[in-house]
C-alpha atoms as a PDB file:
ATOM      1  CA  UNK A   1      31.339  -9.767   5.777  1.00  0.00           C
ATOM      2  CA  UNK A   2      28.547 -11.909   7.220  1.00  0.00           C
ATOM      3  CA  UNK A   3      25.383 -10.785   9.040  1.00  0.00           C
ATOM      4  CA  UNK A   4      23.437 -12.583  11.777  1.00  0.00           C
ATOM      5  CA  UNK A   5      19.624 -12.698  11.309  1.00  0.00           C
ATOM      6  CA  UNK A   6      16.918 -13.681  13.814  1.00  0.00           C
ATOM      7  CA  UNK A   7      16.868 -17.336  12.776  1.00  0.00           C
ATOM      8  CA  UNK A   8      20.430 -17.682  14.046  1.00  0.00           C
ATOM      9  CA  UNK A   9      21.915 -18.204  10.592  1.00  0.00           C
ATOM     10  CA  UNK A  10      24.843 -16.207   9.296  1.00  0.00           C
ATOM     11  CA  UNK A  11      24.253 -14.955   5.763  1.00  0.00           C
ATOM     12  CA  UNK A  12      25.981 -12.599   3.381  1.00  0.00           C
ATOM     13  CA  UNK A  13      24.421  -9.127   2.960  1.00  0.00           C
ATOM     14  CA  UNK A  14      23.631  -9.910  -0.700  1.00  0.00           C
ATOM     15  CA  UNK A  15      21.719 -12.987   0.378  1.00  0.00           C
ATOM     16  CA  UNK A  16      19.773 -10.922   2.924  1.00  0.00           C
ATOM     17  CA  UNK A  17      18.801  -8.371   0.270  1.00  0.00           C
ATOM     18  CA  UNK A  18      17.728 -11.155  -2.071  1.00  0.00           C
ATOM     19  CA  UNK A  19      15.586 -12.674   0.686  1.00  0.00           C
ATOM     20  CA  UNK A  20      13.887  -9.323   1.378  1.00  0.00           C
ATOM     21  CA  UNK A  21      13.225  -8.743  -2.336  1.00  0.00           C
ATOM     22  CA  UNK A  22      11.789 -12.236  -2.653  1.00  0.00           C
ATOM     23  CA  UNK A  23       9.509 -11.674   0.365  1.00  0.00           C
ATOM     24  CA  UNK A  24       8.238  -8.371  -1.052  1.00  0.00           C
ATOM     25  CA  UNK A  25       7.584 -10.017  -4.413  1.00  0.00           C
ATOM     26  CA  UNK A  26       5.589 -12.789  -2.736  1.00  0.00           C
ATOM     27  CA  UNK A  27       3.502 -10.244  -0.809  1.00  0.00           C
ATOM     28  CA  UNK A  28       2.844  -8.250  -3.977  1.00  0.00           C
ATOM     29  CA  UNK A  29       1.893 -11.434  -5.804  1.00  0.00           C
ATOM     30  CA  UNK A  30      -0.545 -12.296  -3.018  1.00  0.00           C
ATOM     31  CA  UNK A  31      -2.162  -8.839  -3.189  1.00  0.00           C
ATOM     32  CA  UNK A  32      -2.318  -9.025  -6.982  1.00  0.00           C
ATOM     33  CA  UNK A  33      -3.936 -12.458  -6.910  1.00  0.00           C
ATOM     34  CA  UNK A  34      -6.507 -11.379  -4.315  1.00  0.00           C
ATOM     35  CA  UNK A  35      -7.282  -8.193  -6.275  1.00  0.00           C
ATOM     36  CA  UNK A  36      -7.840 -10.192  -9.466  1.00  0.00           C
ATOM     37  CA  UNK A  37     -10.141 -12.567  -7.591  1.00  0.00           C
ATOM     38  CA  UNK A  38     -12.169  -9.612  -6.279  1.00  0.00           C
ATOM     39  CA  UNK A  39     -12.419  -8.241  -9.820  1.00  0.00           C
ATOM     40  CA  UNK A  40     -13.702 -11.577 -11.110  1.00  0.00           C
ATOM     41  CA  UNK A  41     -16.249 -11.817  -8.303  1.00  0.00           C
ATOM     42  CA  UNK A  42     -17.412  -8.247  -8.877  1.00  0.00           C
ATOM     43  CA  UNK A  43     -17.901  -8.921 -12.585  1.00  0.00           C
ATOM     44  CA  UNK A  44     -19.774 -12.154 -11.847  1.00  0.00           C
ATOM     45  CA  UNK A  45     -22.167 -10.310  -9.504  1.00  0.00           C
ATOM     46  CA  UNK A  46     -22.733  -7.551 -12.091  1.00  0.00           C
ATOM     47  CA  UNK A  47     -23.480 -10.087 -14.828  1.00  0.00           C
ATOM     48  CA  UNK A  48     -25.963 -11.907 -12.605  1.00  0.00           C
ATOM     49  CA  UNK A  49     -27.648  -8.599 -11.755  1.00  0.00           C
ATOM     50  CA  UNK A  50     -28.050  -7.837 -15.459  1.00  0.00           C
ATOM     51  CA  UNK A  51     -29.139 -11.377 -16.378  1.00  0.00           C
ATOM     52  CA  UNK A  52     -31.988 -11.318 -13.858  1.00  0.00           C
ATOM     53  CA  UNK A  53     -33.509  -8.243 -15.492  1.00  0.00           C
ATOM     54  CA  UNK A  54     -33.779  -9.367 -19.095  1.00  0.00           C
ATOM     55  CA  UNK A  55     -36.814 -10.163 -21.222  1.00  0.00           C
ATOM     56  CA  UNK A  56     -39.256  -7.511 -19.935  1.00  0.00           C
ATOM     57  CA  UNK A  57     -39.559  -5.986 -23.451  1.00  0.00           C
ATOM     58  CA  UNK A  58     -41.044  -2.586 -22.532  1.00  0.00           C
ATOM     59  CA  UNK A  59     -42.623  -0.629 -19.678  1.00  0.00           C
ATOM     60  CA  UNK A  60     -44.743   2.444 -19.081  1.00  0.00           C
ATOM     61  CA  UNK A  61     -45.080   4.256 -15.746  1.00  0.00           C
ATOM     62  CA  UNK A  62     -46.210   7.442 -14.032  1.00  0.00           C
ATOM     63  CA  UNK A  63     -43.574   9.222 -11.971  1.00  0.00           C
ATOM     64  CA  UNK A  64     -43.693  12.063  -9.470  1.00  0.00           C
ATOM     65  CA  UNK A  65     -40.445  13.990  -9.004  1.00  0.00           C
ATOM     66  CA  UNK A  66     -40.084  15.795  -5.664  1.00  0.00           C
ATOM     67  CA  UNK A  67     -37.287  18.368  -5.443  1.00  0.00           C
ATOM     68  CA  UNK A  68     -36.078  19.526  -2.025  1.00  0.00           C
ATOM     69  CA  UNK A  69     -33.510  22.278  -1.408  1.00  0.00           C
ATOM     70  CA  UNK A  70     -31.106  22.594   1.518  1.00  0.00           C
ATOM     71  CA  UNK A  71     -33.694  24.604   3.490  1.00  0.00           C
ATOM     72  CA  UNK A  72     -36.317  21.884   3.090  1.00  0.00           C
ATOM     73  CA  UNK A  73     -38.523  23.704   0.574  1.00  0.00           C
ATOM     74  CA  UNK A  74     -40.182  21.345  -1.903  1.00  0.00           C
ATOM     75  CA  UNK A  75     -41.536  21.458  -5.424  1.00  0.00           C
ATOM     76  CA  UNK A  76     -43.098  18.684  -7.457  1.00  0.00           C
ATOM     77  CA  UNK A  77     -43.223  17.568 -11.077  1.00  0.00           C
ATOM     78  CA  UNK A  78     -45.321  14.907 -12.774  1.00  0.00           C
ATOM     79  CA  UNK A  79     -44.125  12.902 -15.758  1.00  0.00           C
ATOM     80  CA  UNK A  80     -44.745   9.781 -17.814  1.00  0.00           C
ATOM     81  CA  UNK A  81     -41.962   7.373 -18.639  1.00  0.00           C
ATOM     82  CA  UNK A  82     -41.673   4.762 -21.375  1.00  0.00           C
ATOM     83  CA  UNK A  83     -38.801   2.297 -21.704  1.00  0.00           C
ATOM     84  CA  UNK A  84     -37.874  -0.150 -24.446  1.00  0.00           C
ATOM     85  CA  UNK A  85     -35.530  -3.110 -24.041  1.00  0.00           C
ATOM     86  CA  UNK A  86     -33.212  -3.341 -27.052  1.00  0.00           C
ATOM     87  CA  UNK A  87     -31.516  -6.572 -28.081  1.00  0.00           C
ATOM     88  CA  UNK A  88     -27.701  -6.388 -27.989  1.00  0.00           C
ATOM     89  CA  UNK A  89     -27.706  -2.748 -26.870  1.00  0.00           C
ATOM     90  CA  UNK A  90     -28.793  -0.495 -24.029  1.00  0.00           C
ATOM     91  CA  UNK A  91     -32.392   0.496 -23.295  1.00  0.00           C
ATOM     92  CA  UNK A  92     -34.278   3.388 -24.884  1.00  0.00           C
ATOM     93  CA  UNK A  93     -36.182   5.762 -22.634  1.00  0.00           C
ATOM     94  CA  UNK A  94     -38.749   8.512 -23.183  1.00  0.00           C
ATOM     95  CA  UNK A  95     -39.872  10.932 -20.463  1.00  0.00           C
ATOM     96  CA  UNK A  96     -42.741  13.418 -20.942  1.00  0.00           C
ATOM     97  CA  UNK A  97     -43.361  16.145 -18.341  1.00  0.00           C
ATOM     98  CA  UNK A  98     -47.032  16.974 -17.674  1.00  0.00           C
ATOM     99  CA  UNK A  99     -46.865  19.255 -14.601  1.00  0.00           C
ATOM    100  CA  UNK A 100     -46.325  21.984 -13.559  1.00  0.00           C
ATOM    101  CA  UNK A 101     -47.123  24.371 -16.373  1.00  0.00           C
ATOM    102  CA  UNK A 102     -43.578  25.748 -16.723  1.00  0.00           C
ATOM    103  CA  UNK A 103     -42.205  22.313 -17.696  1.00  0.00           C
ATOM    104  CA  UNK A 104     -45.309  20.866 -19.375  1.00  0.00           C
ATOM    105  CA  UNK A 105     -44.445  19.386 -22.767  1.00  0.00           C
ATOM    106  CA  UNK A 106     -40.740  18.964 -22.019  1.00  0.00           C
ATOM    107  CA  UNK A 107     -39.535  15.663 -23.473  1.00  0.00           C
ATOM    108  CA  UNK A 108     -36.345  13.720 -22.759  1.00  0.00           C
ATOM    109  CA  UNK A 109     -35.206  10.911 -25.052  1.00  0.00           C
ATOM    110  CA  UNK A 110     -32.309   8.586 -24.272  1.00  0.00           C
ATOM    111  CA  UNK A 111     -30.621   5.800 -26.224  1.00  0.00           C
ATOM    112  CA  UNK A 112     -28.301   3.907 -23.900  1.00  0.00           C
ATOM    113  CA  UNK A 113     -25.514   1.914 -25.532  1.00  0.00           C
ATOM    114  CA  UNK A 114     -23.395  -1.016 -24.424  1.00  0.00           C
ATOM    115  CA  UNK A 115     -20.280   0.710 -25.743  1.00  0.00           C
ATOM    116  CA  UNK A 116     -19.541   4.306 -26.661  1.00  0.00           C
ATOM    117  CA  UNK A 117     -21.456   7.455 -25.773  1.00  0.00           C
ATOM    118  CA  UNK A 118     -25.175   7.356 -25.121  1.00  0.00           C
ATOM    119  CA  UNK A 119     -27.438   9.466 -27.341  1.00  0.00           C
ATOM    120  CA  UNK A 120     -29.643  11.892 -25.410  1.00  0.00           C
ATOM    121  CA  UNK A 121     -31.928  14.748 -26.450  1.00  0.00           C
ATOM    122  CA  UNK A 122     -34.114  17.268 -24.618  1.00  0.00           C
ATOM    123  CA  UNK A 123     -37.057  19.081 -26.176  1.00  0.00           C
ATOM    124  CA  UNK A 124     -37.893  22.416 -24.535  1.00  0.00           C
ATOM    125  CA  UNK A 125     -41.319  23.791 -25.610  1.00  0.00           C
ATOM    126  CA  UNK A 126     -40.345  27.390 -24.814  1.00  0.00           C
ATOM    127  CA  UNK A 127     -37.506  27.190 -27.335  1.00  0.00           C
ATOM    128  CA  UNK A 128     -39.434  24.917 -29.712  1.00  0.00           C
ATOM    129  CA  UNK A 129     -36.336  22.936 -30.519  1.00  0.00           C
ATOM    130  CA  UNK A 130     -34.646  19.658 -29.684  1.00  0.00           C
ATOM    131  CA  UNK A 131     -31.316  20.023 -27.898  1.00  0.00           C
ATOM    132  CA  UNK A 132     -28.746  17.240 -27.992  1.00  0.00           C
ATOM    133  CA  UNK A 133     -27.021  16.491 -24.681  1.00  0.00           C
ATOM    134  CA  UNK A 134     -23.304  16.228 -25.384  1.00  0.00           C
ATOM    135  CA  UNK A 135     -21.114  13.684 -23.636  1.00  0.00           C
ATOM    136  CA  UNK A 136     -19.316  16.566 -21.916  1.00  0.00           C
ATOM    137  CA  UNK A 137     -22.570  17.680 -20.280  1.00  0.00           C
ATOM    138  CA  UNK A 138     -23.930  14.331 -19.151  1.00  0.00           C
ATOM    139  CA  UNK A 139     -22.774  14.935 -15.570  1.00  0.00           C
ATOM    140  CA  UNK A 140     -25.039  17.997 -15.430  1.00  0.00           C
ATOM    141  CA  UNK A 141     -28.353  17.982 -13.500  1.00  0.00           C
ATOM    142  CA  UNK A 142     -31.438  16.611 -15.220  1.00  0.00           C
ATOM    143  CA  UNK A 143     -34.212  19.220 -15.088  1.00  0.00           C
ATOM    144  CA  UNK A 144     -32.780  20.790 -11.939  1.00  0.00           C
ATOM    145  CA  UNK A 145     -32.837  17.517 -10.004  1.00  0.00           C
ATOM    146  CA  UNK A 146     -30.022  15.696  -8.206  1.00  0.00           C
ATOM    147  CA  UNK A 147     -30.066  13.047 -10.943  1.00  0.00           C
ATOM    148  CA  UNK A 148     -27.601  13.677 -13.741  1.00  0.00           C
ATOM    149  CA  UNK A 149     -28.144  12.744 -17.384  1.00  0.00           C
ATOM    150  CA  UNK A 150     -25.574  10.018 -16.815  1.00  0.00           C
ATOM    151  CA  UNK A 151     -27.721   8.520 -14.036  1.00  0.00           C
ATOM    152  CA  UNK A 152     -30.604   8.044 -16.470  1.00  0.00           C
ATOM    153  CA  UNK A 153     -28.751   5.565 -18.665  1.00  0.00           C
ATOM    154  CA  UNK A 154     -29.524   1.868 -18.330  1.00  0.00           C
ATOM    155  CA  UNK A 155     -27.070  -0.289 -16.404  1.00  0.00           C
ATOM    156  CA  UNK A 156     -24.661  -1.950 -18.844  1.00  0.00           C
ATOM    157  CA  UNK A 157     -21.923  -4.299 -17.647  1.00  0.00           C
ATOM    158  CA  UNK A 158     -19.566  -3.323 -20.473  1.00  0.00           C
ATOM    159  CA  UNK A 159     -19.316   0.285 -19.248  1.00  0.00           C
ATOM    160  CA  UNK A 160     -17.477  -0.441 -16.003  1.00  0.00           C
ATOM    161  CA  UNK A 161     -14.605  -2.195 -14.337  1.00  0.00           C
ATOM    162  CA  UNK A 162     -15.919  -4.094 -11.307  1.00  0.00           C
ATOM    163  CA  UNK A 163     -14.450  -5.158  -7.979  1.00  0.00           C
ATOM    164  CA  UNK A 164     -16.093  -6.981  -5.097  1.00  0.00           C
ATOM    165  CA  UNK A 165     -15.336  -5.127  -1.843  1.00  0.00           C
ATOM    166  CA  UNK A 166     -17.118  -6.956   0.986  1.00  0.00           C
ATOM    167  CA  UNK A 167     -20.393  -8.322   2.341  1.00  0.00           C
ATOM    168  CA  UNK A 168     -22.530  -5.867   4.298  1.00  0.00           C
ATOM    169  CA  UNK A 169     -26.180  -5.631   5.345  1.00  0.00           C
ATOM    170  CA  UNK A 170     -28.462  -2.689   4.605  1.00  0.00           C
ATOM    171  CA  UNK A 171     -31.561  -2.485   6.818  1.00  0.00           C
ATOM    172  CA  UNK A 172     -31.191  -6.174   7.592  1.00  0.00           C
ATOM    173  CA  UNK A 173     -30.717  -7.228   3.958  1.00  0.00           C
ATOM    174  CA  UNK A 174     -27.449  -9.119   3.302  1.00  0.00           C
ATOM    175  CA  UNK A 175     -25.709  -7.441   0.367  1.00  0.00           C
ATOM    176  CA  UNK A 176     -22.677  -7.671  -1.857  1.00  0.00           C
ATOM    177  CA  UNK A 177     -20.787  -4.379  -1.966  1.00  0.00           C
ATOM    178  CA  UNK A 178     -19.332  -3.835  -5.441  1.00  0.00           C
ATOM    179  CA  UNK A 179     -17.173  -1.039  -6.821  1.00  0.00           C
ATOM    180  CA  UNK A 180     -17.892   0.164 -10.371  1.00  0.00           C
ATOM    181  CA  UNK A 181     -15.283   2.319 -12.111  1.00  0.00           C
ATOM    182  CA  UNK A 182     -16.600   3.941 -15.311  1.00  0.00           C
ATOM    183  CA  UNK A 183     -14.575   3.163 -18.427  1.00  0.00           C
ATOM    184  CA  UNK A 184     -15.695   6.421 -20.061  1.00  0.00           C
ATOM    185  CA  UNK A 185     -13.185   9.173 -19.243  1.00  0.00           C
ATOM    186  CA  UNK A 186     -15.978  11.744 -19.651  1.00  0.00           C
ATOM    187  CA  UNK A 187     -17.955  10.255 -16.762  1.00  0.00           C
ATOM    188  CA  UNK A 188     -18.732  12.595 -13.888  1.00  0.00           C
ATOM    189  CA  UNK A 189     -17.722   9.865 -11.436  1.00  0.00           C
ATOM    190  CA  UNK A 190     -14.401   8.306 -10.488  1.00  0.00           C
ATOM    191  CA  UNK A 191     -16.185   5.369  -8.878  1.00  0.00           C
ATOM    192  CA  UNK A 192     -19.621   4.109  -7.893  1.00  0.00           C
ATOM    193  CA  UNK A 193     -20.190   1.831  -4.898  1.00  0.00           C
ATOM    194  CA  UNK A 194     -23.303  -0.361  -5.102  1.00  0.00           C
ATOM    195  CA  UNK A 195     -24.976  -2.495  -2.412  1.00  0.00           C
ATOM    196  CA  UNK A 196     -26.707  -5.419  -4.179  1.00  0.00           C
ATOM    197  CA  UNK A 197     -28.955  -7.719  -2.186  1.00  0.00           C
ATOM    198  CA  UNK A 198     -27.848 -11.329  -2.266  1.00  0.00           C
ATOM    199  CA  UNK A 199     -31.334 -12.816  -2.626  1.00  0.00           C
ATOM    200  CA  UNK A 200     -32.546 -11.036  -5.781  1.00  0.00           C
ATOM    201  CA  UNK A 201     -29.499  -9.069  -6.992  1.00  0.00           C
ATOM    202  CA  UNK A 202     -31.353  -5.747  -6.718  1.00  0.00           C
ATOM    203  CA  UNK A 203     -29.465  -2.481  -6.076  1.00  0.00           C
ATOM    204  CA  UNK A 204     -30.368  -1.258  -2.587  1.00  0.00           C
ATOM    205  CA  UNK A 205     -27.999   1.684  -2.195  1.00  0.00           C
ATOM    206  CA  UNK A 206     -25.506   3.462  -4.443  1.00  0.00           C
ATOM    207  CA  UNK A 207     -22.767   5.965  -3.608  1.00  0.00           C
ATOM    208  CA  UNK A 208     -21.349   8.253  -6.295  1.00  0.00           C
ATOM    209  CA  UNK A 209     -17.866   9.790  -6.010  1.00  0.00           C
ATOM    210  CA  UNK A 210     -17.000  12.926  -7.991  1.00  0.00           C
ATOM    211  CA  UNK A 211     -13.943  13.722 -10.089  1.00  0.00           C
ATOM    212  CA  UNK A 212     -12.083  14.742  -6.922  1.00  0.00           C
ATOM    213  CA  UNK A 213     -12.844  11.278  -5.460  1.00  0.00           C
ATOM    214  CA  UNK A 214     -15.106  12.817  -2.807  1.00  0.00           C
ATOM    215  CA  UNK A 215     -18.528  11.379  -1.941  1.00  0.00           C
ATOM    216  CA  UNK A 216     -21.034  13.366  -3.983  1.00  0.00           C
ATOM    217  CA  UNK A 217     -24.403  11.609  -3.806  1.00  0.00           C
ATOM    218  CA  UNK A 218     -26.184   8.615  -2.330  1.00  0.00           C
ATOM    219  CA  UNK A 219     -29.120   6.894  -4.012  1.00  0.00           C
ATOM    220  CA  UNK A 220     -31.452   4.770  -1.883  1.00  0.00           C
ATOM    221  CA  UNK A 221     -33.922   2.405  -3.564  1.00  0.00           C
ATOM    222  CA  UNK A 222     -36.931   1.211  -1.544  1.00  0.00           C
ATOM    223  CA  UNK A 223     -40.513  -0.065  -1.892  1.00  0.00           C
ATOM    224  CA  UNK A 224     -39.552  -2.861  -4.271  1.00  0.00           C
ATOM    225  CA  UNK A 225     -42.422  -4.650  -6.019  1.00  0.00           C
ATOM    226  CA  UNK A 226     -42.251  -7.715  -8.242  1.00  0.00           C
ATOM    227  CA  UNK A 227     -43.992  -7.775 -11.614  1.00  0.00           C
ATOM    228  CA  UNK A 228     -44.874 -10.740 -13.841  1.00  0.00           C
ATOM    229  CA  UNK A 229     -43.546 -12.964 -11.037  1.00  0.00           C
ATOM    230  CA  UNK A 230     -40.029 -12.066 -12.097  1.00  0.00           C
ATOM    231  CA  UNK A 231     -39.053  -8.411 -12.512  1.00  0.00           C
ATOM    232  CA  UNK A 232     -38.355  -6.183  -9.511  1.00  0.00           C
ATOM    233  CA  UNK A 233     -38.806  -2.408  -9.562  1.00  0.00           C
ATOM    234  CA  UNK A 234     -38.116   0.068  -6.766  1.00  0.00           C
ATOM    235  CA  UNK A 235     -41.099   2.412  -6.485  1.00  0.00           C
ATOM    236  CA  UNK A 236     -39.186   5.025  -4.449  1.00  0.00           C
ATOM    237  CA  UNK A 237     -35.754   6.383  -5.349  1.00  0.00           C
ATOM    238  CA  UNK A 238     -34.133   9.089  -3.227  1.00  0.00           C
ATOM    239  CA  UNK A 239     -30.966  10.825  -4.391  1.00  0.00           C
ATOM    240  CA  UNK A 240     -29.231  12.928  -1.740  1.00  0.00           C
ATOM    241  CA  UNK A 241     -26.469  15.372  -2.678  1.00  0.00           C
ATOM    242  CA  UNK A 242     -24.084  15.518   0.293  1.00  0.00           C
ATOM    243  CA  UNK A 243     -22.237  18.556  -1.028  1.00  0.00           C
ATOM    244  CA  UNK A 244     -25.268  20.831  -1.562  1.00  0.00           C
ATOM    245  CA  UNK A 245     -27.798  19.442   0.901  1.00  0.00           C
ATOM    246  CA  UNK A 246     -30.373  19.055  -1.884  1.00  0.00           C
ATOM    247  CA  UNK A 247     -32.308  15.886  -2.655  1.00  0.00           C
ATOM    248  CA  UNK A 248     -34.681  14.447  -5.253  1.00  0.00           C
ATOM    249  CA  UNK A 249     -37.257  11.710  -4.753  1.00  0.00           C
ATOM    250  CA  UNK A 250     -38.817   9.756  -7.623  1.00  0.00           C
ATOM    251  CA  UNK A 251     -42.082   7.994  -6.794  1.00  0.00           C
ATOM    252  CA  UNK A 252     -43.252   5.545  -9.451  1.00  0.00           C
ATOM    253  CA  UNK A 253     -46.770   4.189  -9.933  1.00  0.00           C
ATOM    254  CA  UNK A 254     -48.923   2.442 -12.543  1.00  0.00           C
ATOM    255  CA  UNK A 255     -46.098   0.361 -14.016  1.00  0.00           C
ATOM    256  CA  UNK A 256     -47.146  -1.795 -16.954  1.00  0.00           C
ATOM    257  CA  UNK A 257     -44.982  -4.334 -18.778  1.00  0.00           C
ATOM    258  CA  UNK A 258     -45.093  -5.595 -22.372  1.00  0.00           C
ATOM    259  CA  UNK A 259     -47.438  -2.879 -23.615  1.00  0.00           C
ATOM    260  CA  UNK A 260     -46.456  -3.228 -27.265  1.00  0.00           C
ATOM    261  CA  UNK A 261     -44.033  -0.306 -27.592  1.00  0.00           C
ATOM    262  CA  UNK A 262     -41.626  -0.426 -30.525  1.00  0.00           C
ATOM    263  CA  UNK A 263     -38.670   1.479 -31.980  1.00  0.00           C
ATOM    264  CA  UNK A 264     -40.969   3.972 -33.716  1.00  0.00           C
ATOM    265  CA  UNK A 265     -42.252   5.135 -30.311  1.00  0.00           C
ATOM    266  CA  UNK A 266     -38.724   6.346 -29.508  1.00  0.00           C
ATOM    267  CA  UNK A 267     -37.975   8.255 -32.687  1.00  0.00           C
ATOM    268  CA  UNK A 268     -36.344  11.660 -32.203  1.00  0.00           C
ATOM    269  CA  UNK A 269     -38.747  13.233 -34.687  1.00  0.00           C
ATOM    270  CA  UNK A 270     -41.786  12.653 -32.458  1.00  0.00           C
ATOM    271  CA  UNK A 271     -40.427  14.674 -29.518  1.00  0.00           C
ATOM    272  CA  UNK A 272     -41.981  17.935 -30.719  1.00  0.00           C
ATOM    273  CA  UNK A 273     -45.383  16.268 -31.117  1.00  0.00           C
ATOM    274  CA  UNK A 274     -45.673  14.560 -27.737  1.00  0.00           C
ATOM    275  CA  UNK A 275     -48.716  15.480 -25.666  1.00  0.00           C
END
């Protein structure tokens, strides 16, 4: 039995089925090719972002942390931060809390890694002991803020799958919008969407999606300043939790580069002696 199709040609049903299957295959191939191209572009953007922030060696900075609850009540903390760039691995970071009195002397130490779990420890003066942060707890809040322990790791290209989504402006700045999917199954996020400005490849805005694929938090980075005629740092970071109504602002000042820090300044054994 023959069948008449819109082109006016009589074909056998088997030929019609074959034509439909072929068309579907071509469509799927087109989608697959476009998806792969978006992945390549996303990875290229991520690599350029990382490449533009290499060679700074180490930094020190003063940071004010402002915590705001859903009712608008605020509290503030003051801390010092030190960071060390490590060749062929992630950065090392040391945070010392100075104010208020109830957190004074608290120390956080982080070793970010290109692959595998990061190493993180927290020294609590009241307990007089160093507590290791397990990979299962890295999605938990850092010192009651809206930043998680996971958020405090350095950006490493090897830890994500990337995909370019679109071009979009943020406050008049043309940006690439890139999706980052964590490779680590223990991550607290199913995906992270980052707006990266096209001129300097700086992150301008980041959206974090929880394990249920719902929007959890948005990080906005503003007040960028360039150091050593090369390195950009955002002096104000605001993390808003859309599910709780809470937010945390980090205000950075007195940033110094290439201060002479070394591996020994980030040794776990010094955490109990930091002042």
